[in-house]
Amino acid sequence: MARPRPWSPAVVAVMLLALAGCRSAGDPGGNHCLPRVGMTVDQLTACGCLLMKTGSLDTAMSAPEHGGRVQRIIVVNYLCPLGAAGFARVIVRNGVADEVFH
């Protein structure tokens, strides 16, 4: 008999956010806020956003034509509750929100 496949981390994150009604826009006591470009990871998590763990941490190196220096760039995704509007996906680059998709 085949073993059931475990749920992906992204599915679990969506379910947890859906169950966390206290962080929705409809709840006046929640910590809901709109994610925006320039927010730090600490600000996003204070808004109720959760890291969308994909199983690996992706990094990219800048091109060598930049004076031989090497710069590591870390890119991760966060999922943020928007109350009745659903969720926003936030792309975070080096700890700061770079793009927000409502």
Protein backbone atom coordinates (compact mmCIF):
# COMPACT_ATOMS: atom_id res chain seq x y z
CA MET A 1 0.00 0.00 0.00
CA ALA A 2 1.40 3.38 -1.00
CA ARG A 3 2.21 5.87 1.73
CA PRO A 4 0.28 9.15 1.52
CA ARG A 5 2.34 12.10 0.31
CA PRO A 6 3.03 14.73 2.95
CA TRP A 7 1.56 18.17 2.40
CA SER A 8 3.86 20.73 0.89
CA PRO A 9 5.08 23.51 3.21
CA ALA A 10 3.25 26.11 1.11
CA VAL A 11 -0.08 24.29 1.58
CA VAL A 12 0.52 24.06 5.32
CA ALA A 13 1.34 27.80 5.46
CA VAL A 14 -1.90 28.69 3.66
CA MET A 15 -3.91 26.50 6.01
CA LEU A 16 -2.27 28.04 9.09
CA LEU A 17 -2.93 31.54 7.83
CA ALA A 18 -6.54 30.68 7.09
CA LEU A 19 -6.97 29.31 10.60
CA ALA A 20 -5.32 32.33 12.19
CA GLY A 21 -8.44 34.49 12.04
CA CYS A 22 -7.11 36.81 14.73
CA ARG A 23 -4.75 38.28 12.17
CA SER A 24 -7.36 39.07 9.55
CA ALA A 25 -8.51 42.53 8.49
CA GLY A 26 -12.01 41.78 9.77
CA ASP A 27 -10.78 41.35 13.33
CA PRO A 28 -10.18 44.74 14.99
CA GLY A 29 -7.90 43.12 17.58
CA GLY A 30 -5.61 41.51 15.01
CA ASN A 31 -2.15 42.62 13.98
CA HIS A 32 -3.12 42.91 10.32
CA CYS A 33 -1.36 45.41 8.07
CA LEU A 34 -0.73 45.66 4.36
CA PRO A 35 2.68 44.42 3.22
CA ARG A 36 4.63 46.93 1.14
CA VAL A 37 7.98 47.23 -0.60
CA GLY A 38 10.76 48.16 1.82
CA MET A 39 9.37 46.34 4.86
CA THR A 40 11.86 44.23 6.82
CA VAL A 41 11.32 40.57 7.71
CA ASP A 42 10.53 41.64 11.30
CA GLN A 43 7.83 44.04 10.06
CA LEU A 44 6.34 41.39 7.80
CA THR A 45 6.13 38.81 10.58
CA ALA A 46 4.54 41.44 12.88
CA CYS A 47 1.84 41.76 10.18
CA GLY A 48 1.16 38.03 10.37
CA CYS A 49 3.18 37.04 7.29
CA LEU A 50 4.75 33.58 7.21
CA LEU A 51 7.81 32.34 5.37
CA MET A 52 6.90 30.07 2.47
CA LYS A 53 9.52 27.39 3.08
CA THR A 54 10.24 25.68 -0.20
CA GLY A 55 12.72 23.17 1.18
CA SER A 56 15.85 25.03 0.14
CA LEU A 57 17.33 28.48 0.51
CA ASP A 58 18.22 29.91 -2.88
CA THR A 59 21.16 32.26 -3.33
CA ALA A 60 22.68 33.97 -6.33
CA MET A 61 26.11 35.46 -6.85
CA SER A 62 26.63 38.74 -8.67
CA ALA A 63 28.60 38.78 -11.90
CA PRO A 64 32.41 38.98 -11.73
CA GLU A 65 32.46 42.14 -13.87
CA HIS A 66 31.61 44.11 -10.72
CA GLY A 67 35.25 44.57 -9.78
CA GLY A 68 35.85 40.95 -8.80
CA ARG A 69 33.70 41.29 -5.68
CA VAL A 70 31.27 38.55 -4.83
CA GLN A 71 27.90 39.47 -3.36
CA ARG A 72 25.49 36.87 -2.03
CA ILE A 73 21.81 37.57 -2.64
CA ILE A 74 19.21 35.67 -0.62
CA VAL A 75 15.67 35.55 -1.99
CA VAL A 76 12.71 34.08 -0.06
CA ASN A 77 8.92 34.33 -0.33
CA TYR A 78 6.43 35.29 2.38
CA LEU A 79 2.66 34.80 2.42
CA CYS A 80 0.66 37.57 4.12
CA PRO A 81 -3.03 37.57 5.16
CA LEU A 82 -5.18 40.33 3.69
CA GLY A 83 -8.42 39.50 5.51
CA ALA A 84 -11.37 39.12 3.17
CA ALA A 85 -9.13 39.99 0.19
CA GLY A 86 -7.18 36.74 0.64
CA PHE A 87 -3.40 36.68 0.72
CA ALA A 88 -0.44 38.60 -0.68
CA ARG A 89 2.83 37.05 -1.81
CA VAL A 90 5.94 39.02 -0.93
CA ILE A 91 9.36 38.47 -2.46
CA VAL A 92 12.06 39.33 0.08
CA ARG A 93 15.59 39.98 -1.10
CA ASN A 94 18.33 40.18 1.56
CA GLY A 95 15.82 40.70 4.37
CA VAL A 96 13.80 43.51 2.75
CA ALA A 97 10.52 43.21 0.80
CA ASP A 98 11.33 43.79 -2.86
CA GLU A 99 8.02 42.96 -4.59
CA VAL A 100 4.45 42.59 -3.30
CA PHE A 101 1.70 40.77 -5.20
CA HIS A 102 -1.83 41.43 -3.86
